[in-house]
Protein backbone atom coordinates (compact mmCIF):
# COMPACT_ATOMS: atom_id res chain seq x y z
CA MET A 1 127.35 -71.66 25.43
CA ALA A 2 126.43 -72.87 21.96
CA VAL A 3 123.27 -71.44 20.36
CA VAL A 4 120.82 -74.17 19.38
CA LEU A 5 118.44 -73.50 16.48
CA PRO A 6 115.71 -73.62 15.32
CA LYS A 7 113.52 -71.75 17.78
CA LYS A 8 109.75 -71.34 17.80
CA ILE A 9 109.00 -67.61 17.72
CA MET A 10 105.58 -66.04 18.34
CA LEU A 11 105.13 -62.60 16.80
CA LEU A 12 102.50 -60.45 18.52
CA GLY A 13 101.50 -58.05 15.75
CA SER A 14 101.85 -58.94 12.09
CA GLY A 15 102.28 -55.73 10.11
CA GLU A 16 104.97 -54.82 7.59
CA LEU A 17 107.73 -54.73 10.20
CA GLY A 18 106.66 -58.12 11.48
CA LYS A 19 106.74 -59.48 7.93
CA GLU A 20 110.43 -58.66 7.65
CA VAL A 21 111.06 -60.18 11.09
CA VAL A 22 109.44 -63.42 9.88
CA ILE A 23 111.60 -63.47 6.75
CA ALA A 24 114.76 -62.88 8.78
CA ALA A 25 113.77 -65.58 11.29
CA GLN A 26 113.01 -68.16 8.64
CA ARG A 27 116.30 -67.54 6.87
CA LEU A 28 117.93 -68.78 10.07
CA GLY A 29 115.71 -71.86 10.11
CA ASN A 30 113.21 -70.80 12.77
CA THR A 31 109.45 -71.41 12.96
CA VAL A 32 107.18 -68.38 13.35
CA ILE A 33 103.58 -68.01 14.54
CA ALA A 34 102.12 -64.65 13.45
CA VAL A 35 99.36 -63.22 15.64
CA ASP A 36 97.17 -60.20 14.91
CA ARG A 37 93.64 -58.89 15.27
CA TYR A 38 92.76 -59.35 11.57
CA GLU A 39 93.13 -62.11 9.01
CA ASN A 40 95.80 -62.09 6.30
CA ALA A 41 97.97 -59.42 7.94
CA PRO A 42 101.32 -58.96 6.13
CA ALA A 43 103.42 -61.19 8.42
CA MET A 44 100.79 -63.94 8.28
CA GLN A 45 101.42 -64.23 4.54
CA VAL A 46 104.93 -65.57 5.14
CA ALA A 47 104.68 -67.15 8.62
CA ASP A 48 104.45 -70.87 9.34
CA TYR A 49 101.29 -70.50 11.44
CA ARG A 50 98.77 -67.74 12.10
CA GLU A 51 96.35 -66.84 14.86
CA VAL A 52 93.67 -64.11 14.80
CA ILE A 53 92.81 -62.76 18.26
CA SER A 54 92.45 -59.47 20.10
CA MET A 55 95.78 -59.14 21.90
CA LEU A 56 94.05 -56.86 24.40
CA ASP A 57 92.09 -59.92 25.55
CA GLY A 58 94.37 -61.36 28.23
CA GLU A 59 92.69 -64.77 28.28
CA ALA A 60 92.87 -65.13 24.48
CA LEU A 61 96.51 -64.06 24.54
CA GLU A 62 97.41 -66.58 27.24
CA SER A 63 95.49 -69.32 25.43
CA VAL A 64 97.30 -68.86 22.12
CA ILE A 65 100.72 -68.69 23.81
CA LYS A 66 100.10 -71.87 25.76
CA LYS A 67 98.74 -73.57 22.64
CA HIS A 68 101.98 -73.02 20.67
CA GLN A 69 104.53 -72.97 23.54
CA PRO A 70 106.95 -70.56 21.81
CA ASP A 71 110.59 -70.27 22.81
CA LEU A 72 110.45 -66.52 22.25
CA ILE A 73 107.51 -64.07 22.37
CA VAL A 74 108.25 -61.00 20.22
CA PRO A 75 105.81 -58.05 20.47
CA GLU A 76 105.53 -55.91 17.33
CA VAL A 77 102.65 -53.55 18.20
CA GLU A 78 101.40 -51.50 21.15
CA ALA A 79 97.90 -52.96 21.53
CA ILE A 80 98.83 -55.90 23.75
CA ARG A 81 97.72 -56.82 27.26
CA THR A 82 101.26 -56.39 28.56
CA GLU A 83 100.30 -57.23 32.14
CA LYS A 84 99.55 -60.75 30.89
CA LEU A 85 103.04 -60.96 29.39
CA ILE A 86 104.49 -60.18 32.83
CA GLU A 87 102.47 -63.09 34.28
CA LEU A 88 103.59 -65.45 31.53
CA GLU A 89 107.23 -64.44 31.86
CA ALA A 90 107.01 -65.37 35.55
CA GLN A 91 105.83 -68.81 34.41
CA GLY A 92 108.99 -69.29 32.34
CA TYR A 93 108.21 -67.81 28.91
CA THR A 94 110.78 -65.47 27.32
CA VAL A 95 109.41 -62.08 26.20
CA ILE A 96 111.55 -59.83 23.99
CA PRO A 97 113.20 -57.66 25.17
CA THR A 98 111.55 -58.38 28.55
CA ALA A 99 107.94 -58.29 29.71
CA ALA A 100 108.67 -55.32 31.97
CA ALA A 101 110.35 -53.39 29.14
CA THR A 102 107.41 -54.11 26.87
CA ASN A 103 105.02 -52.89 29.54
CA PHE A 104 107.02 -49.68 29.97
CA THR A 105 107.44 -48.82 26.32
CA MET A 106 103.99 -49.66 25.02
CA ASN A 107 102.77 -46.58 26.90
CA ARG A 108 104.24 -43.13 26.27
CA ASP A 109 103.57 -42.03 29.84
CA ARG A 110 105.66 -44.79 31.40
CA ILE A 111 108.68 -44.45 29.15
CA ARG A 112 108.58 -40.65 29.36
CA ASP A 113 108.43 -40.75 33.16
CA LEU A 114 111.28 -43.25 33.23
CA ALA A 115 113.47 -41.06 31.01
CA SER A 116 112.64 -37.75 32.66
CA ASN A 117 112.00 -38.51 36.31
CA GLU A 118 114.09 -41.60 36.99
CA LEU A 119 117.02 -41.15 34.61
CA GLY A 120 117.01 -37.34 34.57
CA LEU A 121 117.19 -37.06 30.77
CA ARG A 122 116.25 -33.93 28.84
CA THR A 123 112.85 -34.41 27.25
CA ALA A 124 110.21 -32.04 25.95
CA LYS A 125 108.12 -30.52 28.75
CA TYR A 126 105.04 -32.67 29.10
CA ALA A 127 101.86 -33.37 31.04
CA TYR A 128 98.97 -35.85 30.90
CA ALA A 129 95.24 -35.35 30.63
CA THR A 130 92.25 -37.65 31.02
CA SER A 131 89.67 -34.99 30.21
CA LEU A 132 89.34 -31.98 27.94
CA GLN A 133 89.44 -29.65 30.93
CA GLU A 134 92.72 -31.16 32.14
CA LEU A 135 94.08 -30.75 28.63
CA LYS A 136 93.15 -27.06 28.57
CA THR A 137 94.84 -26.49 31.92
CA SER A 138 98.02 -28.29 30.87
CA ALA A 139 98.13 -26.50 27.52
CA ASP A 140 98.08 -23.14 29.28
CA GLU A 141 101.01 -24.24 31.44
CA ILE A 142 103.11 -25.69 28.60
CA GLY A 143 102.21 -23.01 26.06
CA PHE A 144 101.59 -22.98 22.32
CA PRO A 145 102.34 -24.52 19.94
CA ASN A 146 102.28 -27.95 21.53
CA VAL A 147 101.90 -31.57 20.48
CA ILE A 148 99.01 -33.77 21.61
CA LYS A 149 98.90 -37.55 21.18
CA PRO A 150 97.53 -40.70 22.84
CA VAL A 151 99.73 -42.38 25.43
CA MET A 152 99.31 -45.59 23.41
CA SER A 153 99.26 -45.50 19.60
CA SER A 154 101.39 -46.33 16.57
CA SER A 155 102.35 -44.74 13.25
CA GLY A 156 101.36 -41.28 14.45
CA LYS A 157 97.68 -42.11 14.93
CA GLY A 158 95.91 -39.48 17.00
CA GLN A 159 98.82 -37.01 16.98
CA SER A 160 98.41 -33.33 16.15
CA ILE A 161 100.16 -29.99 16.56
CA VAL A 162 98.02 -27.40 18.34
CA ASN A 163 98.71 -23.72 17.72
CA SER A 164 95.95 -22.07 19.76
CA PRO A 165 93.40 -22.86 22.52
CA ASP A 166 90.50 -23.09 20.06
CA GLU A 167 92.12 -26.17 18.48
CA LEU A 168 92.28 -28.16 21.72
CA GLU A 169 88.88 -29.83 21.57
CA GLN A 170 89.47 -31.14 18.05
CA ALA A 171 92.94 -32.38 19.08
CA TRP A 172 91.47 -34.10 22.15
CA ASN A 173 88.84 -35.94 20.07
CA TYR A 174 91.45 -36.92 17.48
CA ALA A 175 93.83 -38.27 20.14
CA ILE A 176 91.12 -40.31 21.85
CA ALA A 177 89.95 -41.75 18.51
CA GLY A 178 93.52 -42.60 17.47
CA GLY A 179 94.60 -44.31 20.67
CA ARG A 180 95.16 -48.03 20.96
CA GLY A 181 94.11 -50.09 23.92
CA ASP A 182 91.43 -49.13 26.39
CA THR A 183 92.85 -45.93 27.89
CA SER A 184 91.51 -42.39 27.44
CA LYS A 185 94.72 -40.72 28.56
CA ILE A 186 96.67 -38.35 26.34
CA ILE A 187 100.05 -36.67 26.58
CA ILE A 188 100.63 -33.02 25.77
CA GLU A 189 104.18 -31.88 25.19
CA GLU A 190 106.23 -28.85 24.33
CA PHE A 191 106.80 -28.31 20.61
CA ILE A 192 110.54 -28.60 19.94
CA ASN A 193 111.87 -26.47 17.10
CA PHE A 194 114.38 -29.10 15.98
CA GLU A 195 116.87 -29.12 13.12
CA VAL A 196 116.36 -32.82 12.47
CA GLU A 197 114.55 -35.73 14.09
CA ILE A 198 116.48 -38.99 14.25
CA THR A 199 116.11 -42.64 15.14
CA LEU A 200 119.14 -44.31 16.68
CA LEU A 201 118.76 -48.07 16.22
CA THR A 202 120.29 -49.53 19.37
CA ILE A 203 121.07 -53.25 19.59
CA ARG A 204 121.24 -54.76 23.05
CA GLN A 205 122.76 -58.26 23.27
CA TRP A 206 122.33 -60.96 25.90
CA GLN A 207 126.10 -60.92 26.19
CA GLY A 208 128.39 -58.35 24.66
CA GLU A 209 128.36 -54.60 24.21
CA THR A 210 125.48 -52.46 23.02
CA LEU A 211 125.78 -51.67 19.32
CA PHE A 212 124.44 -48.83 17.18
CA CYS A 213 123.49 -48.30 13.57
CA GLU A 214 124.29 -45.11 11.71
CA ALA A 215 121.73 -42.53 12.86
CA ILE A 216 118.60 -42.31 10.68
CA GLY A 217 117.03 -38.96 9.84
CA HIS A 218 113.29 -38.92 9.31
CA ARG A 219 110.45 -36.61 8.32
CA GLN A 220 106.89 -36.94 9.59
CA GLU A 221 103.46 -35.77 8.50
CA ARG A 222 100.34 -36.25 10.64
CA GLY A 223 102.70 -37.76 13.22
CA ASP A 224 103.64 -40.61 10.87
CA TYR A 225 106.97 -41.17 9.15
CA GLN A 226 107.12 -40.26 5.45
CA GLU A 227 110.85 -40.42 4.67
CA SER A 228 113.99 -41.72 6.35
CA TRP A 229 117.61 -41.55 5.33
CA GLN A 230 121.22 -42.33 6.25
CA PRO A 231 123.62 -40.67 6.93
CA VAL A 232 122.23 -37.63 8.75
CA GLY A 233 125.36 -35.51 9.14
CA LEU A 234 125.53 -35.20 12.92
CA THR A 235 128.64 -34.03 14.71
CA SER A 236 130.72 -36.54 16.63
CA ALA A 237 129.59 -34.89 19.88
CA GLN A 238 125.89 -35.26 18.93
CA ILE A 239 126.41 -38.90 18.01
CA LYS A 240 128.18 -39.65 21.28
CA GLU A 241 125.49 -37.91 23.35
CA ALA A 242 122.68 -39.76 21.56
CA GLN A 243 124.47 -43.10 22.02
CA ASP A 244 125.10 -42.42 25.71
CA ILE A 245 121.42 -41.60 26.28
CA ALA A 246 120.22 -44.62 24.27
CA ARG A 247 122.55 -46.93 26.19
CA LYS A 248 121.36 -45.52 29.51
CA VAL A 249 117.67 -46.05 28.69
CA THR A 250 118.05 -49.50 27.14
CA ASP A 251 120.29 -50.69 29.98
CA LYS A 252 117.53 -49.69 32.37
CA LEU A 253 114.96 -51.67 30.35
CA GLY A 254 117.20 -54.73 29.93
CA GLY A 255 116.77 -57.78 27.73
CA ALA A 256 118.00 -58.17 24.18
CA GLY A 257 116.98 -57.01 20.72
CA ILE A 258 116.81 -53.81 18.74
CA PHE A 259 115.36 -50.59 20.14
CA GLY A 260 114.32 -47.61 18.02
CA VAL A 261 115.34 -44.63 20.16
CA GLU A 262 114.07 -41.29 18.82
CA PHE A 263 115.65 -37.88 19.42
CA PHE A 264 115.10 -34.25 18.53
CA ILE A 265 118.38 -32.64 17.44
CA THR A 266 118.51 -28.89 17.91
CA LYS A 267 121.40 -26.51 17.42
CA ASP A 268 122.39 -26.90 21.07
CA GLU A 269 120.73 -30.06 22.40
CA VAL A 270 120.10 -33.78 21.90
CA ILE A 271 116.62 -34.34 23.35
CA PHE A 272 115.15 -37.78 24.07
CA SER A 273 111.74 -38.22 22.45
CA GLU A 274 110.42 -41.81 22.37
CA LEU A 275 111.50 -45.44 22.30
CA SER A 276 110.17 -48.58 20.64
CA PRO A 277 111.45 -52.00 21.89
CA ARG A 278 111.50 -53.52 18.41
CA PRO A 279 112.40 -52.70 14.80
CA HIS A 280 111.33 -49.18 13.86
CA ASP A 281 109.38 -48.04 10.82
CA THR A 282 112.02 -45.42 9.96
CA GLY A 283 114.56 -48.26 10.01
CA MET A 284 113.13 -49.75 6.84
CA VAL A 285 115.84 -47.77 5.06
CA THR A 286 118.29 -50.40 6.40
CA LEU A 287 116.76 -52.90 3.96
CA ILE A 288 118.94 -51.24 1.33
CA SER A 289 121.54 -49.24 3.27
CA GLN A 290 123.32 -51.74 5.53
CA ASN A 291 125.07 -55.09 5.39
CA LEU A 292 122.65 -56.29 8.09
CA ASN A 293 119.20 -54.73 8.14
CA GLU A 294 117.39 -53.92 11.39
CA PHE A 295 115.33 -57.12 11.25
CA GLU A 296 118.40 -59.33 10.86
CA LEU A 297 120.07 -57.44 13.70
CA HIS A 298 116.99 -57.96 15.90
CA LEU A 299 117.01 -61.70 15.22
CA ARG A 300 120.73 -62.08 15.82
CA ALA A 301 120.45 -60.23 19.11
CA ILE A 302 117.48 -62.17 20.49
CA LEU A 303 118.89 -65.52 19.33
CA GLY A 304 122.29 -64.81 20.86
CA LEU A 305 124.12 -64.86 17.53
CA PRO A 306 127.24 -62.71 16.90
CA ILE A 307 127.13 -59.33 15.17
CA PRO A 308 130.75 -58.78 14.08
CA THR A 309 130.14 -55.51 12.21
CA ILE A 310 127.38 -53.16 11.10
CA GLU A 311 128.26 -51.31 7.90
CA LEU A 312 126.55 -48.47 6.05
CA LEU A 313 127.03 -49.56 2.45
CA SER A 314 125.77 -46.42 0.72
CA PRO A 315 123.88 -43.20 1.38
CA SER A 316 120.28 -44.40 1.21
CA ALA A 317 116.68 -43.33 1.78
CA SER A 318 113.14 -44.62 2.09
CA ALA A 319 109.83 -42.98 1.19
CA VAL A 320 106.42 -44.40 2.02
CA ILE A 321 103.76 -45.39 -0.51
CA LEU A 322 100.43 -44.21 0.86
CA ALA A 323 96.87 -45.17 0.02
CA ASN A 324 94.57 -42.38 -1.11
CA LYS A 325 91.24 -44.19 -0.78
CA THR A 326 89.32 -46.85 1.09
CA SER A 327 89.25 -50.20 -0.70
CA ASN A 328 89.33 -53.95 -0.03
CA ASN A 329 90.35 -54.79 -3.60
CA ILE A 330 93.94 -53.59 -3.94
CA SER A 331 95.83 -53.28 -7.23
CA TYR A 332 98.88 -51.19 -8.08
CA THR A 333 100.16 -49.38 -11.16
CA GLY A 334 103.38 -47.52 -11.85
CA LEU A 335 105.80 -50.17 -10.62
CA GLU A 336 107.55 -50.31 -13.99
CA ASP A 337 108.15 -46.55 -13.90
CA ALA A 338 109.39 -46.63 -10.30
CA LEU A 339 111.76 -49.54 -10.91
CA ALA A 340 113.16 -47.90 -14.03
CA ILE A 341 114.94 -45.41 -11.75
CA PRO A 342 118.49 -46.69 -11.02
CA ASN A 343 119.18 -48.16 -7.57
CA ILE A 344 115.52 -48.30 -6.52
CA GLU A 345 113.77 -51.15 -4.74
CA ILE A 346 110.05 -51.36 -3.95
CA ARG A 347 108.45 -53.25 -1.06
CA LEU A 348 104.66 -53.66 -1.18
CA PHE A 349 103.40 -54.86 2.17
CA GLY A 350 100.42 -56.94 1.03
CA LYS A 351 97.86 -55.28 3.30
CA PRO A 352 94.41 -56.65 2.45
CA ASP A 353 92.67 -53.28 2.45
CA SER A 354 93.41 -49.58 2.30
CA ARG A 355 92.24 -46.28 3.74
CA PRO A 356 93.51 -42.75 3.14
CA TYR A 357 97.11 -42.30 4.33
CA ARG A 358 97.54 -45.97 5.22
CA ARG A 359 101.11 -47.11 4.57
CA MET A 360 100.96 -49.70 1.79
CA GLY A 361 104.59 -49.94 0.76
CA VAL A 362 107.95 -48.23 0.69
CA ALA A 363 110.43 -47.12 -1.97
CA LEU A 364 114.10 -47.66 -1.12
CA SER A 365 116.97 -45.92 -2.89
CA LYS A 366 120.71 -45.44 -2.99
CA GLY A 367 122.44 -42.23 -4.05
CA LYS A 368 125.77 -40.48 -4.16
CA ASP A 369 124.63 -38.70 -0.98
CA ALA A 370 121.54 -38.60 1.23
CA VAL A 371 120.05 -35.68 -0.70
CA GLU A 372 120.06 -37.61 -3.98
CA ALA A 373 118.84 -40.78 -2.29
CA ARG A 374 115.88 -38.92 -0.73
CA ARG A 375 114.95 -37.30 -4.04
CA LYS A 376 114.94 -40.64 -5.84
CA ALA A 377 112.99 -42.44 -3.12
CA VAL A 378 110.26 -39.76 -3.11
CA GLU A 379 110.12 -39.79 -6.92
CA ALA A 380 109.77 -43.58 -7.02
CA ALA A 381 107.13 -43.71 -4.28
CA ALA A 382 105.02 -41.10 -6.10
CA LYS A 383 104.90 -43.26 -9.23
CA VAL A 384 103.22 -46.21 -7.46
CA LYS A 385 99.44 -45.76 -7.38
CA ILE A 386 96.59 -47.80 -5.92
CA ILE A 387 93.70 -48.42 -8.32
């Protein structure tokens, strides 16, 4: 069946990833409505229309969807009343990848239970807690060190590594403060001593086979990504195992689009970690590394357009540009020094305000290998300062 464009796409969440989704959608002639909880979010700056609502308000969410009548509803953040999306899908709206998949993956407890209990995949040992006392009990069972984080959050908010029982109360308070949505539930999990942490971008099509990008290595601090790079240097057996697991989970979720499937790679195991049903922050490296970046792949998949080949063009890396202060009057220096480094690109996200450690941009680099690309990306990112 022939694909008819343009489509009207509603983006629920309008951060830096959403901004690139808008750009990719418009290059194919589509109309985009960007929705978020605050005015002038990055994707709103390039979208055709904008709406400012709390996406946790089910009535407001339904109202804005029915106002615009989008062909496709594309969630980009976790803080969404996903039960409302299930209702709207039953009324005939198309949610990407599906409303049920969005409902599963917006909460760490649901996707972890699906992977571990239903699909029998190897994950870190884990438990849930809705009180500090439950957390203490679970921590004793799982052991130390362990990782504590909200069941619903993004960009590492509320996540911490706990080395001893006397750190539990602080970790509990941090997780509750960093959670999105209206839940006070946290997940505590075994600390995995991994060799590398990866994201496997997995593209599920309406028709056709599931496709994969070259695995992306990434490094985190405070639970938030700081660097990502391709290639990683996995063995063929590790790649096959990761792809088999990613295909199994995404087939269970269904729908179409790109999924960011995260794994811990140890000397002996490939361990499922998390999954996002949308472009992934670590995948920003594909803006420079591939013939089709993750946002273009997402759009092709959800629009039913062909993806003949996905090519890694060069060893590449990304490094985040972080804010170091709170401000609502943002200016940058150092761009000329960063861009003087060969094979460097800079993306500033256009966020209207800053706070310490907020991601404000990203440096992208190419190199003769991933080591050189990482060095250059970190060097370039460090030269860009907020004043």
